[in-house]
Amino acid sequence: MYVKPKQYKFGIALSGGGARGILHIGVLEALHKYGIRPEIISGTSAGALVGAFYAAGMEPLQILELIKSSKITQVIKWRVPSGGLIDLKKALFILEKNIGEDNFSALKKPFYCSVVNLNSGQSEIKSEGKLFQWVLASASIPVIFEPQIIDGVTYIDGGLLNNLPVDCIRDKCRILIGVHVNHNGPEKNITGMKAIAERTFRLAIGQNVSESLAKCDFVIDPPETRLYNTFDFKKADEIFKIGFDETEKRILEMFDSVDLNQVLQEKLKRATNRG
């Protein structure tokens, strides 16, 4: 029986997780160091934001600097909670300024983002048409962020039902890397409403991630992410380093799937170019 070859070698799925999503940037930078550049991307919430910038052609360190220089917690405008505690109008400006054309087709790499149709109660994947509206919808955490009304339909954070969208790209790449930034291991001490809310939200979302993780060839899910909350953007460098170090530490595990000689040649080539 003829089996159609998969179009891309590497794909990467990026989960939601607020500021913890900065970890995705560290993962991408570590992959680049070893000559691995994912060719197809999917993402939810923070993963959708990072994924959109990456698919538009930005290098990981450029994305990191953008997040730090934008002071995202100041860019987001706090408001009276009618539709949500926060709206994302100023975040739209960042997308417009750094990506340019508002269309999936203008991206340099194929990109898919997860959203939830609140009217139908169904998870949806978007990969064509207007780009910015779907990225913002994917990042609209319920209650905290203002929902996005698109063509009369209300959309919210895709993480509610599909926080690691892998099915949309699983059959399109040979090697799928999944990055999960909401580690849900046991925790001894959970005190205070904020900590309880964070833990509850992570556990609820985690129920729709386990099957997705099982479909990945390589998973990054560092337990240190539990030390950071949704709005810890001031700790961007720390979170970035966790993603970078975890990926570099475990990169040898990928050599069953990746041509080791190719990786080492890429590394030698970059060292020669720098010299």
C-alpha atoms as a PDB file:
ATOM      1  CA  MET A   1       0.000   0.000   0.000  1.00  0.00           C
ATOM      2  CA  TYR A   2       1.351   3.425  -0.968  1.00  0.00           C
ATOM      3  CA  VAL A   3       1.883   5.763   1.958  1.00  0.00           C
ATOM      4  CA  LYS A   4       2.083   9.444   1.084  1.00  0.00           C
ATOM      5  CA  PRO A   5       5.325  10.941   2.468  1.00  0.00           C
ATOM      6  CA  LYS A   6       4.893  13.621   5.088  1.00  0.00           C
ATOM      7  CA  GLN A   7       5.485  17.115   3.767  1.00  0.00           C
ATOM      8  CA  TYR A   8       7.678  18.447   6.590  1.00  0.00           C
ATOM      9  CA  LYS A   9      10.462  16.919   8.665  1.00  0.00           C
ATOM     10  CA  PHE A  10       9.918  18.859  11.897  1.00  0.00           C
ATOM     11  CA  GLY A  11       6.710  20.204  13.379  1.00  0.00           C
ATOM     12  CA  ILE A  12       6.208  21.842  16.766  1.00  0.00           C
ATOM     13  CA  ALA A  13       3.087  22.282  18.910  1.00  0.00           C
ATOM     14  CA  LEU A  14       3.147  25.028  21.557  1.00  0.00           C
ATOM     15  CA  SER A  15       0.770  25.000  24.520  1.00  0.00           C
ATOM     16  CA  GLY A  16      -0.880  27.923  26.253  1.00  0.00           C
ATOM     17  CA  GLY A  17       0.229  29.102  29.682  1.00  0.00           C
ATOM     18  CA  GLY A  18       0.476  32.888  29.894  1.00  0.00           C
ATOM     19  CA  ALA A  19       3.974  34.125  30.775  1.00  0.00           C
ATOM     20  CA  ARG A  20       5.104  30.512  31.037  1.00  0.00           C
ATOM     21  CA  GLY A  21       4.775  30.452  27.239  1.00  0.00           C
ATOM     22  CA  ILE A  22       8.085  32.352  27.081  1.00  0.00           C
ATOM     23  CA  LEU A  23       9.563  28.900  27.629  1.00  0.00           C
ATOM     24  CA  HIS A  24       8.637  28.144  24.003  1.00  0.00           C
ATOM     25  CA  ILE A  25      11.147  30.737  22.865  1.00  0.00           C
ATOM     26  CA  GLY A  26      13.932  29.054  24.827  1.00  0.00           C
ATOM     27  CA  VAL A  27      13.013  25.700  23.292  1.00  0.00           C
ATOM     28  CA  LEU A  28      13.130  27.151  19.774  1.00  0.00           C
ATOM     29  CA  GLU A  29      16.487  28.819  20.431  1.00  0.00           C
ATOM     30  CA  ALA A  30      17.994  25.549  21.692  1.00  0.00           C
ATOM     31  CA  LEU A  31      16.630  23.684  18.654  1.00  0.00           C
ATOM     32  CA  HIS A  32      18.185  26.311  16.381  1.00  0.00           C
ATOM     33  CA  LYS A  33      21.531  25.833  18.105  1.00  0.00           C
ATOM     34  CA  TYR A  34      21.518  22.232  16.880  1.00  0.00           C
ATOM     35  CA  GLY A  35      20.277  23.024  13.402  1.00  0.00           C
ATOM     36  CA  ILE A  36      16.659  22.012  14.031  1.00  0.00           C
ATOM     37  CA  ARG A  37      14.167  24.530  12.660  1.00  0.00           C
ATOM     38  CA  PRO A  38      10.536  23.430  12.822  1.00  0.00           C
ATOM     39  CA  GLU A  39       8.834  23.934   9.461  1.00  0.00           C
ATOM     40  CA  ILE A  40       5.204  23.779  10.595  1.00  0.00           C
ATOM     41  CA  ILE A  41       3.773  25.202  13.823  1.00  0.00           C
ATOM     42  CA  SER A  42       0.621  24.954  15.894  1.00  0.00           C
ATOM     43  CA  GLY A  43      -0.198  26.803  19.088  1.00  0.00           C
ATOM     44  CA  THR A  44      -2.729  27.814  21.700  1.00  0.00           C
ATOM     45  CA  SER A  45      -2.921  31.085  23.628  1.00  0.00           C
ATOM     46  CA  ALA A  46       0.663  32.124  24.514  1.00  0.00           C
ATOM     47  CA  GLY A  47       1.800  29.361  22.188  1.00  0.00           C
ATOM     48  CA  ALA A  48      -0.256  30.913  19.412  1.00  0.00           C
ATOM     49  CA  LEU A  49       1.396  34.299  19.953  1.00  0.00           C
ATOM     50  CA  VAL A  50       4.919  32.849  19.912  1.00  0.00           C
ATOM     51  CA  GLY A  51       3.979  30.548  17.038  1.00  0.00           C
ATOM     52  CA  ALA A  52       2.626  33.388  14.906  1.00  0.00           C
ATOM     53  CA  PHE A  53       5.773  35.470  15.341  1.00  0.00           C
ATOM     54  CA  TYR A  54       7.957  32.447  14.597  1.00  0.00           C
ATOM     55  CA  ALA A  55       5.919  31.485  11.527  1.00  0.00           C
ATOM     56  CA  ALA A  56       6.257  35.086  10.318  1.00  0.00           C
ATOM     57  CA  GLY A  57      10.026  34.631  10.183  1.00  0.00           C
ATOM     58  CA  MET A  58      11.202  36.106  13.491  1.00  0.00           C
ATOM     59  CA  GLU A  59      14.167  34.442  15.185  1.00  0.00           C
ATOM     60  CA  PRO A  60      13.616  33.191  18.776  1.00  0.00           C
ATOM     61  CA  LEU A  61      15.820  35.864  20.370  1.00  0.00           C
ATOM     62  CA  GLN A  62      13.961  38.535  18.412  1.00  0.00           C
ATOM     63  CA  ILE A  63      10.674  37.269  19.859  1.00  0.00           C
ATOM     64  CA  LEU A  64      12.153  37.290  23.362  1.00  0.00           C
ATOM     65  CA  GLU A  65      13.327  40.882  22.979  1.00  0.00           C
ATOM     66  CA  LEU A  66       9.935  41.888  21.585  1.00  0.00           C
ATOM     67  CA  ILE A  67       8.133  40.485  24.621  1.00  0.00           C
ATOM     68  CA  LYS A  68      10.560  42.131  27.018  1.00  0.00           C
ATOM     69  CA  SER A  69      10.599  45.499  25.270  1.00  0.00           C
ATOM     70  CA  SER A  70       6.818  45.567  24.830  1.00  0.00           C
ATOM     71  CA  LYS A  71       6.337  45.225  28.595  1.00  0.00           C
ATOM     72  CA  ILE A  72       3.287  43.133  27.834  1.00  0.00           C
ATOM     73  CA  THR A  73       1.767  43.605  31.291  1.00  0.00           C
ATOM     74  CA  GLN A  74       1.759  47.353  30.662  1.00  0.00           C
ATOM     75  CA  VAL A  75       0.569  47.044  27.070  1.00  0.00           C
ATOM     76  CA  ILE A  76      -2.539  45.188  28.179  1.00  0.00           C
ATOM     77  CA  LYS A  77      -5.119  47.679  29.418  1.00  0.00           C
ATOM     78  CA  TRP A  78      -6.924  46.942  32.664  1.00  0.00           C
ATOM     79  CA  ARG A  79     -10.589  47.804  32.522  1.00  0.00           C
ATOM     80  CA  VAL A  80     -13.920  47.440  34.278  1.00  0.00           C
ATOM     81  CA  PRO A  81     -14.963  43.771  33.917  1.00  0.00           C
ATOM     82  CA  SER A  82     -17.834  43.939  31.464  1.00  0.00           C
ATOM     83  CA  GLY A  83     -16.623  41.360  28.945  1.00  0.00           C
ATOM     84  CA  GLY A  84     -13.395  40.582  30.823  1.00  0.00           C
ATOM     85  CA  LEU A  85     -10.877  42.060  33.201  1.00  0.00           C
ATOM     86  CA  ILE A  86      -8.473  42.900  30.375  1.00  0.00           C
ATOM     87  CA  ASP A  87      -8.829  43.754  26.703  1.00  0.00           C
ATOM     88  CA  LEU A  88      -6.261  42.999  24.009  1.00  0.00           C
ATOM     89  CA  LYS A  89      -6.526  46.041  21.723  1.00  0.00           C
ATOM     90  CA  LYS A  90      -2.965  47.124  22.387  1.00  0.00           C
ATOM     91  CA  ALA A  91      -1.737  43.576  21.844  1.00  0.00           C
ATOM     92  CA  LEU A  92      -3.240  43.864  18.363  1.00  0.00           C
ATOM     93  CA  PHE A  93      -0.914  46.805  17.726  1.00  0.00           C
ATOM     94  CA  ILE A  94       2.100  44.595  18.512  1.00  0.00           C
ATOM     95  CA  LEU A  95       0.931  41.995  15.992  1.00  0.00           C
ATOM     96  CA  GLU A  96       0.345  44.641  13.323  1.00  0.00           C
ATOM     97  CA  LYS A  97       3.723  46.255  13.908  1.00  0.00           C
ATOM     98  CA  ASN A  98       5.804  43.070  13.905  1.00  0.00           C
ATOM     99  CA  ILE A  99       4.010  40.775  11.479  1.00  0.00           C
ATOM    100  CA  GLY A 100       2.559  43.233   9.010  1.00  0.00           C
ATOM    101  CA  GLU A 101       0.043  41.568   6.717  1.00  0.00           C
ATOM    102  CA  ASP A 102      -3.005  40.250   8.532  1.00  0.00           C
ATOM    103  CA  ASN A 103      -3.336  36.898   6.796  1.00  0.00           C
ATOM    104  CA  PHE A 104      -2.210  33.328   7.415  1.00  0.00           C
ATOM    105  CA  SER A 105      -1.101  33.106   3.782  1.00  0.00           C
ATOM    106  CA  ALA A 106       1.494  35.856   4.332  1.00  0.00           C
ATOM    107  CA  LEU A 107       3.379  33.780   6.926  1.00  0.00           C
ATOM    108  CA  LYS A 108       6.642  32.108   5.929  1.00  0.00           C
ATOM    109  CA  LYS A 109       5.683  28.826   7.579  1.00  0.00           C
ATOM    110  CA  PRO A 110       2.296  27.121   7.917  1.00  0.00           C
ATOM    111  CA  PHE A 111       0.668  27.944  11.242  1.00  0.00           C
ATOM    112  CA  TYR A 112      -2.426  26.598  13.014  1.00  0.00           C
ATOM    113  CA  CYS A 113      -4.030  28.018  16.149  1.00  0.00           C
ATOM    114  CA  SER A 114      -6.598  26.598  18.540  1.00  0.00           C
ATOM    115  CA  VAL A 115      -9.685  28.540  19.643  1.00  0.00           C
ATOM    116  CA  VAL A 116     -12.955  27.678  21.369  1.00  0.00           C
ATOM    117  CA  ASN A 117     -16.276  28.633  19.820  1.00  0.00           C
ATOM    118  CA  LEU A 118     -18.175  29.595  22.961  1.00  0.00           C
ATOM    119  CA  ASN A 119     -21.539  29.521  21.168  1.00  0.00           C
ATOM    120  CA  SER A 120     -21.202  25.977  19.870  1.00  0.00           C
ATOM    121  CA  GLY A 121     -19.020  24.788  22.753  1.00  0.00           C
ATOM    122  CA  GLN A 122     -16.589  23.233  20.283  1.00  0.00           C
ATOM    123  CA  SER A 123     -12.844  23.450  19.763  1.00  0.00           C
ATOM    124  CA  GLU A 124     -11.792  24.823  16.360  1.00  0.00           C
ATOM    125  CA  ILE A 125      -8.495  25.085  14.485  1.00  0.00           C
ATOM    126  CA  LYS A 126      -7.805  28.139  12.325  1.00  0.00           C
ATOM    127  CA  SER A 127      -5.160  28.253   9.591  1.00  0.00           C
ATOM    128  CA  GLU A 128      -6.451  30.577   6.896  1.00  0.00           C
ATOM    129  CA  GLY A 129      -7.960  34.012   6.406  1.00  0.00           C
ATOM    130  CA  LYS A 130      -7.413  36.883   8.847  1.00  0.00           C
ATOM    131  CA  LEU A 131      -4.575  36.031  11.211  1.00  0.00           C
ATOM    132  CA  PHE A 132      -4.648  38.551  14.060  1.00  0.00           C
ATOM    133  CA  GLN A 133      -8.260  37.995  15.131  1.00  0.00           C
ATOM    134  CA  TRP A 134      -7.656  34.277  15.616  1.00  0.00           C
ATOM    135  CA  VAL A 135      -4.379  34.727  17.496  1.00  0.00           C
ATOM    136  CA  LEU A 136      -6.094  37.154  19.885  1.00  0.00           C
ATOM    137  CA  ALA A 137      -9.062  34.811  20.249  1.00  0.00           C
ATOM    138  CA  SER A 138      -6.718  31.938  21.049  1.00  0.00           C
ATOM    139  CA  ALA A 139      -5.142  34.066  23.813  1.00  0.00           C
ATOM    140  CA  SER A 140      -8.437  35.236  25.354  1.00  0.00           C
ATOM    141  CA  ILE A 141      -8.333  33.442  28.712  1.00  0.00           C
ATOM    142  CA  PRO A 142     -11.940  33.261  29.996  1.00  0.00           C
ATOM    143  CA  VAL A 143     -12.970  36.068  32.404  1.00  0.00           C
ATOM    144  CA  ILE A 144      -9.426  37.487  32.539  1.00  0.00           C
ATOM    145  CA  PHE A 145      -9.351  38.625  28.903  1.00  0.00           C
ATOM    146  CA  GLU A 146     -12.086  40.104  26.789  1.00  0.00           C
ATOM    147  CA  PRO A 147     -13.538  37.468  24.419  1.00  0.00           C
ATOM    148  CA  GLN A 148     -13.284  38.041  20.684  1.00  0.00           C
ATOM    149  CA  ILE A 149     -16.473  38.456  18.671  1.00  0.00           C
ATOM    150  CA  ILE A 150     -15.842  37.346  15.088  1.00  0.00           C
ATOM    151  CA  ASP A 151     -18.684  37.346  12.550  1.00  0.00           C
ATOM    152  CA  GLY A 152     -21.179  37.439  15.414  1.00  0.00           C
ATOM    153  CA  VAL A 153     -19.647  34.416  17.172  1.00  0.00           C
ATOM    154  CA  THR A 154     -17.870  34.553  20.537  1.00  0.00           C
ATOM    155  CA  TYR A 155     -14.421  32.942  20.723  1.00  0.00           C
ATOM    156  CA  ILE A 156     -12.171  32.373  23.725  1.00  0.00           C
ATOM    157  CA  ASP A 157      -8.845  30.757  24.651  1.00  0.00           C
ATOM    158  CA  GLY A 158      -8.330  27.493  22.795  1.00  0.00           C
ATOM    159  CA  GLY A 159      -6.679  25.956  25.839  1.00  0.00           C
ATOM    160  CA  LEU A 160     -10.045  25.345  27.434  1.00  0.00           C
ATOM    161  CA  LEU A 161     -10.607  22.335  25.141  1.00  0.00           C
ATOM    162  CA  ASN A 162      -7.348  21.884  23.204  1.00  0.00           C
ATOM    163  CA  ASN A 163      -4.289  23.312  24.909  1.00  0.00           C
ATOM    164  CA  LEU A 164      -1.775  21.417  22.770  1.00  0.00           C
ATOM    165  CA  PRO A 165      -3.098  21.230  19.194  1.00  0.00           C
ATOM    166  CA  VAL A 166      -1.242  18.324  17.617  1.00  0.00           C
ATOM    167  CA  ASP A 167      -3.868  16.576  15.478  1.00  0.00           C
ATOM    168  CA  CYS A 168      -3.864  19.435  12.959  1.00  0.00           C
ATOM    169  CA  ILE A 169      -0.172  18.916  12.095  1.00  0.00           C
ATOM    170  CA  ARG A 170       0.539  15.314  13.191  1.00  0.00           C
ATOM    171  CA  ASP A 171       0.029  13.879   9.708  1.00  0.00           C
ATOM    172  CA  LYS A 172       2.019  16.660   8.034  1.00  0.00           C
ATOM    173  CA  CYS A 173       5.420  16.146   9.693  1.00  0.00           C
ATOM    174  CA  ARG A 174       7.740  13.211  10.347  1.00  0.00           C
ATOM    175  CA  ILE A 175       8.898  14.388  13.777  1.00  0.00           C
ATOM    176  CA  LEU A 176       6.514  16.253  16.072  1.00  0.00           C
ATOM    177  CA  ILE A 177       7.837  18.164  19.078  1.00  0.00           C
ATOM    178  CA  GLY A 178       5.312  19.042  21.792  1.00  0.00           C
ATOM    179  CA  VAL A 179       6.058  21.816  24.301  1.00  0.00           C
ATOM    180  CA  HIS A 180       3.865  21.904  27.407  1.00  0.00           C
ATOM    181  CA  VAL A 181       4.355  24.740  29.910  1.00  0.00           C
ATOM    182  CA  ASN A 182       1.791  23.759  32.554  1.00  0.00           C
ATOM    183  CA  HIS A 183       3.449  20.855  34.326  1.00  0.00           C
ATOM    184  CA  ASN A 184       0.979  19.099  36.598  1.00  0.00           C
ATOM    185  CA  GLY A 185       3.050  16.968  38.952  1.00  0.00           C
ATOM    186  CA  PRO A 186       2.179  16.606  42.646  1.00  0.00           C
ATOM    187  CA  GLU A 187       2.404  19.741  44.811  1.00  0.00           C
ATOM    188  CA  LYS A 188       2.651  19.642  48.616  1.00  0.00           C
ATOM    189  CA  ASN A 189       1.840  23.206  49.591  1.00  0.00           C
ATOM    190  CA  ILE A 190      -0.918  25.164  47.844  1.00  0.00           C
ATOM    191  CA  THR A 191      -1.981  28.193  49.851  1.00  0.00           C
ATOM    192  CA  GLY A 192      -3.736  31.416  48.930  1.00  0.00           C
ATOM    193  CA  MET A 193      -6.505  32.051  46.409  1.00  0.00           C
ATOM    194  CA  LYS A 194      -4.084  32.904  43.617  1.00  0.00           C
ATOM    195  CA  ALA A 195      -2.159  29.643  43.973  1.00  0.00           C
ATOM    196  CA  ILE A 196      -5.379  27.651  44.234  1.00  0.00           C
ATOM    197  CA  ALA A 197      -6.801  29.308  41.100  1.00  0.00           C
ATOM    198  CA  GLU A 198      -3.582  28.663  39.142  1.00  0.00           C
ATOM    199  CA  ARG A 199      -3.481  25.011  40.219  1.00  0.00           C
ATOM    200  CA  THR A 200      -7.163  24.459  39.448  1.00  0.00           C
ATOM    201  CA  PHE A 201      -6.863  26.005  35.986  1.00  0.00           C
ATOM    202  CA  ARG A 202      -3.769  23.946  35.136  1.00  0.00           C
ATOM    203  CA  LEU A 203      -5.417  20.715  36.263  1.00  0.00           C
ATOM    204  CA  ALA A 204      -8.581  21.427  34.291  1.00  0.00           C
ATOM    205  CA  ILE A 205      -6.649  22.208  31.120  1.00  0.00           C
ATOM    206  CA  GLY A 206      -4.309  19.274  31.686  1.00  0.00           C
ATOM    207  CA  GLN A 207      -7.143  16.842  31.057  1.00  0.00           C
ATOM    208  CA  ASN A 208      -7.148  17.686  27.353  1.00  0.00           C
ATOM    209  CA  VAL A 209      -3.351  17.567  26.980  1.00  0.00           C
ATOM    210  CA  SER A 210      -2.412  14.010  27.941  1.00  0.00           C
ATOM    211  CA  GLU A 211      -3.651  12.461  24.682  1.00  0.00           C
ATOM    212  CA  SER A 212      -1.911  15.156  22.669  1.00  0.00           C
ATOM    213  CA  LEU A 213       1.406  14.585  24.431  1.00  0.00           C
ATOM    214  CA  ALA A 214       1.161  10.873  23.652  1.00  0.00           C
ATOM    215  CA  LYS A 215       1.020  11.681  19.931  1.00  0.00           C
ATOM    216  CA  CYS A 216       4.287  13.655  19.989  1.00  0.00           C
ATOM    217  CA  ASP A 217       7.650  12.125  19.169  1.00  0.00           C
ATOM    218  CA  PHE A 218       9.488  14.405  21.597  1.00  0.00           C
ATOM    219  CA  VAL A 219       8.043  16.258  24.592  1.00  0.00           C
ATOM    220  CA  ILE A 220       9.362  19.216  26.574  1.00  0.00           C
ATOM    221  CA  ASP A 221       7.443  19.577  29.874  1.00  0.00           C
ATOM    222  CA  PRO A 222       9.798  20.937  32.575  1.00  0.00           C
ATOM    223  CA  PRO A 223       8.445  20.804  36.150  1.00  0.00           C
ATOM    224  CA  GLU A 224      10.026  24.198  36.930  1.00  0.00           C
ATOM    225  CA  THR A 225       7.161  25.939  35.129  1.00  0.00           C
ATOM    226  CA  ARG A 226       5.080  25.447  38.273  1.00  0.00           C
ATOM    227  CA  LEU A 227       7.169  28.169  39.940  1.00  0.00           C
ATOM    228  CA  TYR A 228       5.739  30.848  37.633  1.00  0.00           C
ATOM    229  CA  ASN A 229       2.257  32.282  37.252  1.00  0.00           C
ATOM    230  CA  THR A 230       0.308  33.515  34.251  1.00  0.00           C
ATOM    231  CA  PHE A 231       1.540  37.104  34.560  1.00  0.00           C
ATOM    232  CA  ASP A 232       5.216  36.579  35.437  1.00  0.00           C
ATOM    233  CA  PHE A 233       6.393  38.423  32.312  1.00  0.00           C
ATOM    234  CA  LYS A 234       9.052  40.246  34.350  1.00  0.00           C
ATOM    235  CA  LYS A 235      10.766  36.875  34.753  1.00  0.00           C
ATOM    236  CA  ALA A 236      11.074  36.377  30.991  1.00  0.00           C
ATOM    237  CA  ASP A 237      14.802  35.613  31.055  1.00  0.00           C
ATOM    238  CA  GLU A 238      14.381  32.977  33.752  1.00  0.00           C
ATOM    239  CA  ILE A 239      11.542  31.232  31.920  1.00  0.00           C
ATOM    240  CA  PHE A 240      13.411  31.409  28.603  1.00  0.00           C
ATOM    241  CA  LYS A 241      16.454  29.757  30.219  1.00  0.00           C
ATOM    242  CA  ILE A 242      14.359  26.883  31.588  1.00  0.00           C
ATOM    243  CA  GLY A 243      13.134  26.094  28.075  1.00  0.00           C
ATOM    244  CA  PHE A 244      16.599  26.417  26.558  1.00  0.00           C
ATOM    245  CA  ASP A 245      18.361  24.321  29.212  1.00  0.00           C
ATOM    246  CA  GLU A 246      15.717  21.582  29.268  1.00  0.00           C
ATOM    247  CA  THR A 247      15.837  21.220  25.491  1.00  0.00           C
ATOM    248  CA  GLU A 248      19.626  21.206  25.315  1.00  0.00           C
ATOM    249  CA  LYS A 249      19.832  18.727  28.184  1.00  0.00           C
ATOM    250  CA  ARG A 250      17.516  16.317  26.397  1.00  0.00           C
ATOM    251  CA  ILE A 251      18.492  16.965  22.794  1.00  0.00           C
ATOM    252  CA  LEU A 252      20.393  13.656  22.604  1.00  0.00           C
ATOM    253  CA  GLU A 253      17.078  11.853  23.057  1.00  0.00           C
ATOM    254  CA  MET A 254      16.092  13.121  19.634  1.00  0.00           C
ATOM    255  CA  PHE A 255      18.980  11.423  17.894  1.00  0.00           C
ATOM    256  CA  ASP A 256      16.925   8.282  17.333  1.00  0.00           C
ATOM    257  CA  SER A 257      14.724  10.446  15.124  1.00  0.00           C
ATOM    258  CA  VAL A 258      17.232  13.025  13.919  1.00  0.00           C
ATOM    259  CA  ASP A 259      20.317  12.419  11.778  1.00  0.00           C
ATOM    260  CA  LEU A 260      23.100  12.984  14.333  1.00  0.00           C
ATOM    261  CA  ASN A 261      25.665  13.625  11.627  1.00  0.00           C
ATOM    262  CA  GLN A 262      23.452  16.352  10.150  1.00  0.00           C
ATOM    263  CA  VAL A 263      23.083  18.067  13.524  1.00  0.00           C
ATOM    264  CA  LEU A 264      26.818  17.988  14.235  1.00  0.00           C
ATOM    265  CA  GLN A 265      27.627  19.286  10.752  1.00  0.00           C
ATOM    266  CA  GLU A 266      25.250  22.206  11.247  1.00  0.00           C
ATOM    267  CA  LYS A 267      26.864  23.008  14.594  1.00  0.00           C
ATOM    268  CA  LEU A 268      30.387  22.846  13.082  1.00  0.00           C
ATOM    269  CA  LYS A 269      29.307  25.039  10.166  1.00  0.00           C
ATOM    270  CA  ARG A 270      27.983  27.749  12.504  1.00  0.00           C
ATOM    271  CA  ALA A 271      31.168  27.615  14.604  1.00  0.00           C
ATOM    272  CA  THR A 272      33.286  27.948  11.442  1.00  0.00           C
ATOM    273  CA  ASN A 273      31.209  30.910  10.235  1.00  0.00           C
ATOM    274  CA  ARG A 274      31.645  32.667  13.579  1.00  0.00           C
ATOM    275  CA  GLY A 275      35.407  32.108  13.391  1.00  0.00           C
END
